[in-house]
Amino acid sequence: MALPTSARYVIIGSGIHGLSTAWNLARDLRSSGRGSGADIVVIDKSGVGAGASGIACGVIRNNYFQPAMRELMAHSVSVWDSDPEAFSYHPVGYMQISHEAMRDDVASIAAQQAAIGYSSTFVEGAAASDSYMKGIFDDWQAQGITSVLHEHRGGYANNMASLKGLLGKVEAEDVNVVGGVTVTGFDQDTSGAVTAVLTDQGSVRCDHVIVAVGPWVQKIWAMLDLPTTTDILSGGQLHNVPTWTYMCLQEGTLTVDPGYLTDNEGNMPPVVHVDTDAPLYDADGLVTEGPWGIYYKPDFNFGGVQGGYMPYVVDKPPEQVAVDPYGPDSPDFVVGGDFYRTWTAALAHCHKRFEGKNHLISDEPSGGIGSFSPDNFPVFDTFCDNAFFIADSNHGYKMIGVGALVAKELLGEPQALLEPFRYSRYAEGKLHPVSNSPYPWS
């Protein structure tokens, strides 16, 4: 479709957030009599799902130690539940299986899930946890486990299929979605408000800009001359840190039949996430010591048992990190031998059925990088008077409901679920609590 010369709302990025915002904003404009989808254009330098949303593992969960994240995710799970077929969503549930240092944290999550009516089962103690897991997988053998939190909602969705379903809802609202359009800058008035989005296909005058570009956020941020460093108030002191950093995401697929990982009744199991402090070994000896964690699920979309391991920090200034080419096309940020060895050893640590299966790991390029905020949690906020940033800090794909909340804010209705994620929280010291998980976003 042709790029218009003006639009009330310009959404940059056609991943999960951009499409969700467009769909919900169009519906709200129409239902309130304040406009329609024709007032919105979504632009993307490539096309739908060309970024992080298109390669996402697709896990949908509520499992967060931070109350604000947990409430936000409960809202998003409800959106996934609203149309599983269109969103290619499989509500099989999710399991957080943890070692002793995490037990109190996970108990807190369970208690607060109960308080908001989010259905889950919490099991404590090594013997009880082992028994519970063997009731699901009779070959369960993970060591160092003292708690299990089994969320009965959540599960996973197929990335591109869900985006196509969402695109269908967007197009049904007459929203213009234009691919192959690269943002090159912005025109701003004397107050700093954006008056036009400049692209390689021409400029688009606008009243509002929504930035939903995932790992490219640092680039758009710089175009608007927003701060490269951020002051964080913590422990009574201000700490100045880079606003954005990058981490390399490590995911892959074991090329067995997805039905190889069924539960004791032959059904598709919940998504499994294991965090343990037990030393990890394979046939060649010690793989890693200290806390480590993996997640995995059978997935016909990926053609095997698919999942991942903890990300690692890209040790470069953010402006020097090459985001493009992205994902599996990157020469720098794809998984390799270290990931293959660790993840397959971890699968065998958890299930006897995976012993001796390390040679079945797919060597097709996989992985990518994510752009992370100063505290590794999302920033949802307005800058330059009318530029709303959906900077998800790599929590994004599962947060399909954020678009509905952003749409309300764009129409003048502040959303309490987004309030804990304002940029101002850093300078004010209103930080999210930190758990004992080995994953950086906890």
Protein backbone atom coordinates (compact mmCIF):
# COMPACT_ATOMS: atom_id res chain seq x y z
CA MET A 1 0.00 0.00 0.00
CA ALA A 2 1.13 3.56 -0.66
CA LEU A 3 2.59 5.63 2.16
CA PRO A 4 0.21 8.49 2.98
CA THR A 5 1.50 12.04 3.37
CA SER A 6 -0.34 12.48 6.66
CA ALA A 7 -2.02 10.46 9.40
CA ARG A 8 -3.25 11.27 12.88
CA TYR A 9 -1.34 8.30 14.27
CA VAL A 10 1.91 6.88 12.86
CA ILE A 11 2.93 3.56 14.38
CA ILE A 12 6.54 2.54 13.71
CA GLY A 13 6.96 -1.23 13.78
CA SER A 14 4.67 -4.08 12.72
CA GLY A 15 5.47 -6.62 15.41
CA ILE A 16 3.24 -7.67 18.28
CA HIS A 17 3.08 -4.19 19.87
CA GLY A 18 2.62 -2.17 16.71
CA LEU A 19 -0.16 -4.38 15.38
CA SER A 20 -1.88 -4.72 18.75
CA THR A 21 -1.85 -0.95 19.25
CA ALA A 22 -3.21 -0.36 15.74
CA TRP A 23 -6.02 -2.89 16.21
CA ASN A 24 -7.12 -1.57 19.58
CA LEU A 25 -6.74 2.10 18.70
CA ALA A 26 -8.83 1.64 15.56
CA ARG A 27 -11.55 -0.13 17.54
CA ASP A 28 -11.56 2.55 20.22
CA LEU A 29 -11.69 5.37 17.68
CA ARG A 30 -14.61 3.72 15.90
CA SER A 31 -16.59 2.83 19.04
CA SER A 32 -16.17 6.30 20.51
CA GLY A 33 -17.08 8.06 17.28
CA ARG A 34 -13.72 9.85 17.28
CA GLY A 35 -12.37 8.35 14.08
CA SER A 36 -11.47 5.02 12.51
CA GLY A 37 -8.62 2.82 11.39
CA ALA A 38 -8.22 5.11 8.39
CA ASP A 39 -6.62 7.61 10.80
CA ILE A 40 -3.73 5.20 11.47
CA VAL A 41 -0.74 4.08 9.44
CA VAL A 42 1.67 1.35 10.51
CA ILE A 43 5.09 1.49 8.88
CA ASP A 44 7.94 -1.02 9.00
CA LYS A 45 11.32 -1.01 7.34
CA SER A 46 10.79 -4.64 6.31
CA GLY A 47 7.40 -6.18 6.98
CA VAL A 48 5.16 -7.86 9.53
CA GLY A 49 7.15 -10.02 11.94
CA ALA A 50 10.55 -9.15 10.48
CA GLY A 51 11.95 -8.39 13.93
CA ALA A 52 11.86 -9.98 17.37
CA SER A 53 8.17 -10.96 17.25
CA GLY A 54 8.76 -13.10 14.17
CA ILE A 55 11.47 -15.25 15.77
CA ALA A 56 10.05 -15.34 19.31
CA CYS A 57 9.92 -18.61 21.21
CA GLY A 58 6.33 -17.64 21.93
CA VAL A 59 6.06 -18.44 25.64
CA ILE A 60 3.04 -16.87 27.37
CA ARG A 61 3.34 -16.67 31.15
CA ASN A 62 2.45 -14.72 34.25
CA ASN A 63 5.51 -15.90 36.17
CA TYR A 64 7.18 -12.71 37.41
CA PHE A 65 8.48 -11.81 40.86
CA GLN A 66 7.55 -8.17 40.26
CA PRO A 67 3.89 -7.39 41.12
CA ALA A 68 3.55 -4.82 38.34
CA MET A 69 4.81 -7.30 35.74
CA ARG A 70 2.51 -10.00 37.08
CA GLU A 71 -0.59 -7.79 36.86
CA LEU A 72 0.35 -6.61 33.38
CA MET A 73 0.86 -10.18 32.22
CA ALA A 74 -2.45 -11.37 33.68
CA HIS A 75 -4.08 -8.74 31.47
CA SER A 76 -2.17 -9.94 28.41
CA VAL A 77 -2.96 -13.62 29.06
CA SER A 78 -6.64 -12.65 29.02
CA VAL A 79 -6.16 -11.15 25.56
CA TRP A 80 -4.49 -14.34 24.33
CA ASP A 81 -7.39 -16.31 25.82
CA SER A 82 -9.91 -14.14 23.97
CA ASP A 83 -9.20 -15.64 20.53
CA PRO A 84 -6.82 -18.65 20.67
CA GLU A 85 -7.54 -19.67 17.09
CA ALA A 86 -6.75 -16.31 15.51
CA PHE A 87 -3.67 -15.90 17.71
CA SER A 88 -2.44 -19.50 17.15
CA TYR A 89 -2.32 -19.81 20.93
CA HIS A 90 -1.91 -23.07 22.84
CA PRO A 91 -3.06 -22.64 26.48
CA VAL A 92 -1.15 -25.61 27.90
CA GLY A 93 0.04 -23.83 31.05
CA TYR A 94 3.48 -22.93 32.35
CA MET A 95 5.74 -24.33 35.08
CA GLN A 96 8.41 -22.52 37.12
CA ILE A 97 10.60 -25.21 38.73
CA SER A 98 13.17 -23.78 41.12
CA HIS A 99 16.00 -24.36 43.58
CA GLU A 100 16.06 -23.41 47.26
CA ALA A 101 17.43 -19.87 46.89
CA MET A 102 14.35 -19.02 44.80
CA ARG A 103 11.74 -20.75 46.97
CA ASP A 104 10.62 -17.67 48.93
CA ASP A 105 10.44 -15.60 45.75
CA VAL A 106 8.31 -18.19 43.99
CA ALA A 107 6.09 -18.58 47.07
CA SER A 108 5.49 -14.83 46.89
CA ILE A 109 4.55 -15.13 43.23
CA ALA A 110 2.10 -17.94 44.05
CA ALA A 111 0.48 -15.93 46.86
CA GLN A 112 0.06 -12.86 44.69
CA GLN A 113 -1.29 -14.90 41.78
CA ALA A 114 -3.91 -16.23 44.17
CA ALA A 115 -4.70 -12.68 45.26
CA ILE A 116 -5.47 -11.61 41.68
CA GLY A 117 -7.35 -14.82 40.86
CA TYR A 118 -4.72 -16.27 38.53
CA SER A 119 -5.04 -20.06 38.72
CA SER A 120 -1.88 -21.91 39.79
CA THR A 121 -0.65 -24.74 42.03
CA PHE A 122 2.35 -24.25 44.33
CA VAL A 123 4.36 -27.20 45.63
CA GLU A 124 7.14 -26.88 48.23
CA GLY A 125 9.91 -29.22 49.35
CA ALA A 126 12.30 -31.44 47.42
CA ALA A 127 10.34 -34.67 47.85
CA ALA A 128 6.95 -33.09 47.11
CA SER A 129 8.36 -31.27 44.07
CA ASP A 130 9.93 -34.43 42.67
CA SER A 131 6.70 -36.35 43.19
CA TYR A 132 4.63 -33.64 41.51
CA MET A 133 6.93 -33.54 38.48
CA LYS A 134 6.99 -37.33 38.14
CA GLY A 135 3.21 -37.23 38.12
CA ILE A 136 3.55 -35.26 34.88
CA PHE A 137 6.80 -36.75 33.45
CA ASP A 138 7.71 -40.21 34.73
CA ASP A 139 11.32 -39.75 33.61
CA TRP A 140 11.83 -36.51 35.55
CA GLN A 141 15.28 -36.42 37.19
CA ALA A 142 16.32 -32.80 37.76
CA GLN A 143 18.37 -32.19 40.90
CA GLY A 144 18.32 -29.35 43.42
CA ILE A 145 14.60 -28.61 42.98
CA THR A 146 12.63 -27.52 46.07
CA SER A 147 9.55 -25.78 44.60
CA VAL A 148 7.20 -25.98 41.65
CA LEU A 149 4.78 -23.27 40.56
CA HIS A 150 2.38 -24.67 37.97
CA GLU A 151 0.40 -21.93 36.23
CA HIS A 152 -2.71 -23.46 34.72
CA ARG A 153 -3.15 -20.55 32.32
CA GLY A 154 -0.59 -19.39 29.78
CA GLY A 155 1.32 -21.61 27.37
CA TYR A 156 2.75 -20.59 24.01
CA ALA A 157 1.77 -19.22 20.61
CA ASN A 158 3.22 -19.69 17.14
CA ASN A 159 4.99 -16.45 16.32
CA MET A 160 4.27 -15.70 12.65
CA ALA A 161 0.86 -17.36 12.71
CA SER A 162 -0.23 -15.17 15.60
CA LEU A 163 1.04 -12.04 13.86
CA LYS A 164 -0.90 -12.94 10.71
CA GLY A 165 -4.02 -13.37 12.82
CA LEU A 166 -3.44 -9.99 14.42
CA LEU A 167 -2.75 -8.42 11.02
CA GLY A 168 -6.12 -9.70 9.85
CA LYS A 169 -7.82 -7.88 12.71
CA VAL A 170 -5.86 -4.71 11.90
CA GLU A 171 -6.76 -4.80 8.22
CA ALA A 172 -10.41 -5.45 9.06
CA GLU A 173 -10.36 -2.05 10.79
CA ASP A 174 -9.09 -0.35 7.58
CA VAL A 175 -5.68 0.46 9.02
CA ASN A 176 -3.00 1.14 6.41
CA VAL A 177 0.04 -1.17 6.95
CA VAL A 178 3.02 -0.28 4.76
CA GLY A 179 6.25 -2.27 4.60
CA GLY A 180 9.61 -1.34 3.13
CA VAL A 181 9.59 2.10 4.77
CA THR A 182 12.67 3.16 6.75
CA VAL A 183 12.44 6.00 9.26
CA THR A 184 15.26 8.51 8.71
CA GLY A 185 14.32 11.23 11.20
CA PHE A 186 11.60 13.49 12.56
CA ASP A 187 10.40 17.05 12.15
CA GLN A 188 9.68 18.71 15.49
CA ASP A 189 8.15 22.05 16.46
CA THR A 190 9.70 24.54 18.86
CA SER A 191 8.34 22.65 21.89
CA GLY A 192 9.89 19.40 20.67
CA ALA A 193 6.67 17.71 19.60
CA VAL A 194 6.90 15.55 16.48
CA THR A 195 5.10 17.09 13.51
CA ALA A 196 6.21 14.59 10.85
CA VAL A 197 7.94 11.24 10.51
CA LEU A 198 10.64 11.37 7.84
CA THR A 199 11.25 8.22 5.81
CA ASP A 200 13.07 7.06 2.71
CA GLN A 201 9.67 7.09 0.98
CA GLY A 202 8.74 10.64 1.97
CA SER A 203 7.43 12.38 5.08
CA VAL A 204 4.22 11.69 6.98
CA ARG A 205 2.66 14.56 8.92
CA CYS A 206 1.13 13.37 12.15
CA ASP A 207 -0.39 14.22 15.52
CA HIS A 208 1.00 11.22 17.40
CA VAL A 209 3.88 8.75 16.95
CA ILE A 210 3.98 5.30 18.54
CA VAL A 211 7.43 3.70 18.57
CA ALA A 212 7.20 -0.10 18.73
CA VAL A 213 10.44 -1.22 17.13
CA GLY A 214 11.84 -3.76 19.61
CA PRO A 215 15.64 -4.07 19.36
CA TRP A 216 15.86 -0.95 17.14
CA VAL A 217 14.60 1.32 19.94
CA GLN A 218 18.02 2.85 20.56
CA LYS A 219 18.15 4.12 16.98
CA ILE A 220 14.77 5.88 17.12
CA TRP A 221 15.58 7.15 20.62
CA ALA A 222 18.76 8.77 19.27
CA MET A 223 16.88 10.38 16.36
CA LEU A 224 14.78 12.24 18.93
CA ASP A 225 17.89 13.26 20.87
CA LEU A 226 16.73 11.50 24.03
CA PRO A 227 19.31 10.81 26.79
CA THR A 228 21.97 8.19 26.12
CA THR A 229 22.45 7.68 29.86
CA THR A 230 19.96 7.50 32.70
CA ASP A 231 20.22 8.47 36.36
CA ILE A 232 18.88 5.79 38.70
CA LEU A 233 18.19 6.53 42.38
CA SER A 234 19.03 3.44 44.39
CA GLY A 235 20.22 3.06 47.97
CA GLY A 236 20.07 6.81 48.44
CA GLN A 237 22.55 7.41 45.60
CA LEU A 238 22.25 8.34 41.94
CA HIS A 239 23.87 5.93 39.49
CA ASN A 240 24.38 6.98 35.89
CA VAL A 241 24.09 4.06 33.46
CA PRO A 242 23.54 3.57 29.71
CA THR A 243 19.88 3.94 28.78
CA TRP A 244 20.02 0.93 26.46
CA THR A 245 22.14 -2.20 26.42
CA TYR A 246 21.93 -5.31 24.27
CA MET A 247 21.83 -8.96 25.19
CA CYS A 248 22.17 -11.96 22.91
CA LEU A 249 19.24 -14.37 23.18
CA GLN A 250 20.03 -18.07 23.09
CA GLU A 251 17.35 -20.39 21.71
CA GLY A 252 17.28 -23.53 19.61
CA THR A 253 15.48 -26.74 18.70
CA LEU A 254 16.15 -30.41 19.34
CA THR A 255 15.02 -32.15 16.15
CA VAL A 256 12.89 -34.90 17.64
CA ASP A 257 9.22 -35.42 16.93
CA PRO A 258 7.37 -32.86 19.10
CA GLY A 259 5.33 -35.77 20.45
CA TYR A 260 8.54 -37.06 22.04
CA LEU A 261 7.88 -34.67 24.93
CA THR A 262 4.38 -35.59 26.00
CA ASP A 263 3.17 -36.00 29.56
CA ASN A 264 2.31 -39.30 31.24
CA GLU A 265 -1.14 -39.26 29.61
CA GLY A 266 0.26 -38.64 26.14
CA ASN A 267 -0.85 -35.00 26.05
CA MET A 268 1.10 -31.86 25.19
CA PRO A 269 2.65 -30.71 28.47
CA PRO A 270 2.95 -27.23 29.98
CA VAL A 271 5.87 -25.04 28.99
CA VAL A 272 8.68 -25.97 31.40
CA HIS A 273 11.13 -23.51 32.95
CA VAL A 274 13.78 -24.95 35.26
CA ASP A 275 16.16 -22.92 37.46
CA THR A 276 18.59 -24.92 39.56
CA ASP A 277 21.93 -24.53 41.30
CA ALA A 278 22.98 -28.16 40.74
CA PRO A 279 26.23 -28.57 38.74
CA LEU A 280 25.51 -29.46 35.11
CA TYR A 281 27.42 -32.31 33.45
CA ASP A 282 27.42 -34.10 30.13
CA ALA A 283 29.43 -37.06 28.79
CA ASP A 284 32.51 -34.83 28.49
CA GLY A 285 32.41 -33.58 32.07
CA LEU A 286 31.38 -30.39 33.86
CA VAL A 287 29.41 -27.95 31.72
CA THR A 288 28.64 -25.21 34.26
CA GLU A 289 28.42 -24.55 37.98
CA GLY A 290 26.25 -22.16 39.88
CA PRO A 291 22.63 -21.23 39.14
CA TRP A 292 21.48 -21.87 35.59
CA GLY A 293 18.13 -22.05 33.88
CA ILE A 294 16.45 -23.31 30.72
CA TYR A 295 12.96 -23.35 29.24
CA TYR A 296 11.50 -25.72 26.68
CA LYS A 297 8.33 -27.04 25.05
CA PRO A 298 7.30 -29.38 22.22
CA ASP A 299 6.44 -27.20 19.24
CA PHE A 300 5.21 -28.39 15.83
CA ASN A 301 5.87 -24.90 14.42
CA PHE A 302 9.59 -25.25 15.16
CA GLY A 303 9.58 -28.98 14.38
CA GLY A 304 10.87 -30.40 17.64
CA VAL A 305 11.47 -29.55 21.28
CA GLN A 306 12.24 -25.84 21.30
CA GLY A 307 13.44 -23.48 24.01
CA GLY A 308 16.38 -21.55 25.31
CA TYR A 309 19.01 -20.68 27.87
CA MET A 310 20.03 -17.53 29.72
CA PRO A 311 21.05 -14.57 27.50
CA TYR A 312 24.42 -12.88 27.72
CA VAL A 313 25.32 -9.19 27.62
CA VAL A 314 26.74 -7.80 24.37
CA ASP A 315 29.83 -5.99 25.65
CA LYS A 316 29.75 -3.00 23.31
CA PRO A 317 28.40 0.57 23.49
CA PRO A 318 24.81 0.38 22.18
CA GLU A 319 25.51 2.69 19.23
CA GLN A 320 28.19 0.24 18.04
CA VAL A 321 25.98 -2.84 18.13
CA ALA A 322 24.92 -4.03 14.67
CA VAL A 323 21.24 -4.88 15.03
CA ASP A 324 21.03 -5.54 11.28
CA PRO A 325 21.07 -8.04 9.77
CA TYR A 326 18.72 -9.31 12.43
CA GLY A 327 18.16 -12.70 14.04
CA PRO A 328 19.30 -15.81 12.15
CA ASP A 329 20.76 -13.61 9.40
CA SER A 330 23.25 -12.01 11.80
CA PRO A 331 26.91 -13.01 11.51
CA ASP A 332 27.50 -12.12 15.17
CA PHE A 333 24.45 -12.89 17.27
CA VAL A 334 23.45 -16.48 16.59
CA VAL A 335 23.89 -19.43 18.91
CA GLY A 336 26.82 -21.81 18.61
CA GLY A 337 28.55 -24.75 20.21
CA ASP A 338 28.48 -23.46 23.77
CA PHE A 339 24.70 -23.09 23.65
CA TYR A 340 24.20 -26.46 21.95
CA ARG A 341 26.22 -28.24 24.61
CA THR A 342 24.67 -26.46 27.59
CA TRP A 343 21.06 -26.67 26.49
CA THR A 344 21.14 -30.33 25.48
CA ALA A 345 22.97 -31.22 28.72
CA ALA A 346 20.30 -29.34 30.66
CA LEU A 347 17.49 -31.20 28.87
CA ALA A 348 19.15 -34.51 29.80
CA HIS A 349 19.57 -33.26 33.38
CA CYS A 350 15.79 -32.79 33.54
CA HIS A 351 14.54 -35.84 31.59
CA LYS A 352 16.08 -39.26 31.11
CA ARG A 353 14.52 -39.42 27.63
CA PHE A 354 16.97 -36.74 26.43
CA GLU A 355 20.13 -38.56 27.48
CA GLY A 356 22.35 -39.23 24.46
CA LYS A 357 20.24 -36.96 22.22
CA ASN A 358 22.63 -34.00 22.05
CA HIS A 359 23.54 -34.84 18.43
CA LEU A 360 19.96 -34.06 17.41
CA ILE A 361 20.29 -30.34 18.11
CA SER A 362 19.45 -28.30 15.01
CA ASP A 363 22.38 -26.34 13.63
CA GLU A 364 20.16 -23.96 11.67
CA PRO A 365 20.97 -20.34 12.63
CA SER A 366 18.85 -19.15 15.54
CA GLY A 367 18.89 -16.50 18.21
CA GLY A 368 18.95 -12.73 18.04
CA ILE A 369 19.55 -9.71 20.23
CA GLY A 370 17.27 -7.74 22.48
CA SER A 371 17.46 -4.12 23.61
CA PHE A 372 17.24 -3.75 27.38
CA SER A 373 16.39 -0.77 29.59
CA PRO A 374 18.48 0.25 32.63
CA ASP A 375 16.63 -2.22 34.91
CA ASN A 376 15.74 -4.77 32.18
CA PHE A 377 12.03 -3.99 32.49
CA PRO A 378 9.79 -2.19 29.99
CA VAL A 379 9.48 1.54 29.50
CA PHE A 380 6.01 2.65 28.42
CA ASP A 381 5.90 6.43 28.27
CA THR A 382 5.44 9.59 26.22
CA PHE A 383 8.44 11.68 25.16
CA CYS A 384 8.67 14.89 23.12
CA ASP A 385 5.01 15.59 23.98
CA ASN A 386 3.52 13.14 21.47
CA ALA A 387 5.93 10.22 20.88
CA PHE A 388 4.83 7.16 22.84
CA PHE A 389 7.56 4.55 23.27
CA ILE A 390 6.65 0.89 23.73
CA ALA A 391 10.12 -0.23 24.78
CA ASP A 392 9.46 -3.73 26.06
CA SER A 393 13.03 -4.63 27.14
CA ASN A 394 12.61 -7.97 25.37
CA HIS A 395 9.52 -9.02 27.33
CA GLY A 396 7.46 -8.12 24.33
CA TYR A 397 5.88 -10.98 22.42
CA LYS A 398 3.88 -12.30 25.36
CA MET A 399 2.56 -8.79 26.09
CA ILE A 400 -0.12 -8.72 23.42
CA GLY A 401 -2.37 -6.72 25.75
CA VAL A 402 -0.07 -3.69 26.00
CA GLY A 403 -1.49 -2.32 22.75
CA ALA A 404 -4.96 -2.10 24.27
CA LEU A 405 -3.60 -0.09 27.21
CA VAL A 406 -1.54 2.21 24.99
CA ALA A 407 -4.59 2.87 22.80
CA LYS A 408 -6.54 4.05 25.85
CA GLU A 409 -3.72 6.38 26.86
CA LEU A 410 -3.51 7.84 23.37
CA LEU A 411 -7.18 8.72 23.73
CA GLY A 412 -6.62 10.44 27.06
CA GLU A 413 -7.30 7.63 29.53
CA PRO A 414 -4.25 6.97 31.77
CA GLN A 415 -3.80 3.26 32.50
CA ALA A 416 -2.79 2.13 36.00
CA LEU A 417 -1.15 -1.03 34.63
CA LEU A 418 1.33 1.09 32.68
CA GLU A 419 2.11 3.53 35.49
CA PRO A 420 4.93 1.44 37.10
CA PHE A 421 6.78 1.47 33.78
CA ARG A 422 7.24 5.22 33.30
CA TYR A 423 10.75 6.44 32.58
CA SER A 424 10.52 8.72 35.63
CA ARG A 425 10.77 5.69 37.92
CA TYR A 426 14.53 5.68 37.58
CA ALA A 427 15.17 9.18 38.89
CA GLU A 428 12.47 8.73 41.54
CA GLY A 429 13.87 5.40 42.77
CA LYS A 430 10.55 3.62 42.16
CA LEU A 431 12.27 0.45 41.04
CA HIS A 432 10.91 -3.04 40.58
CA PRO A 433 12.04 -5.65 43.14
CA VAL A 434 14.83 -8.02 42.17
CA SER A 435 14.52 -11.80 42.58
CA ASN A 436 17.06 -14.60 42.93
CA SER A 437 16.47 -15.95 39.42
CA PRO A 438 19.58 -16.32 37.22
CA TYR A 439 17.71 -14.56 34.43
CA PRO A 440 18.60 -10.84 34.10
CA TRP A 441 15.00 -9.66 33.73
CA SER A 442 14.16 -10.98 37.19
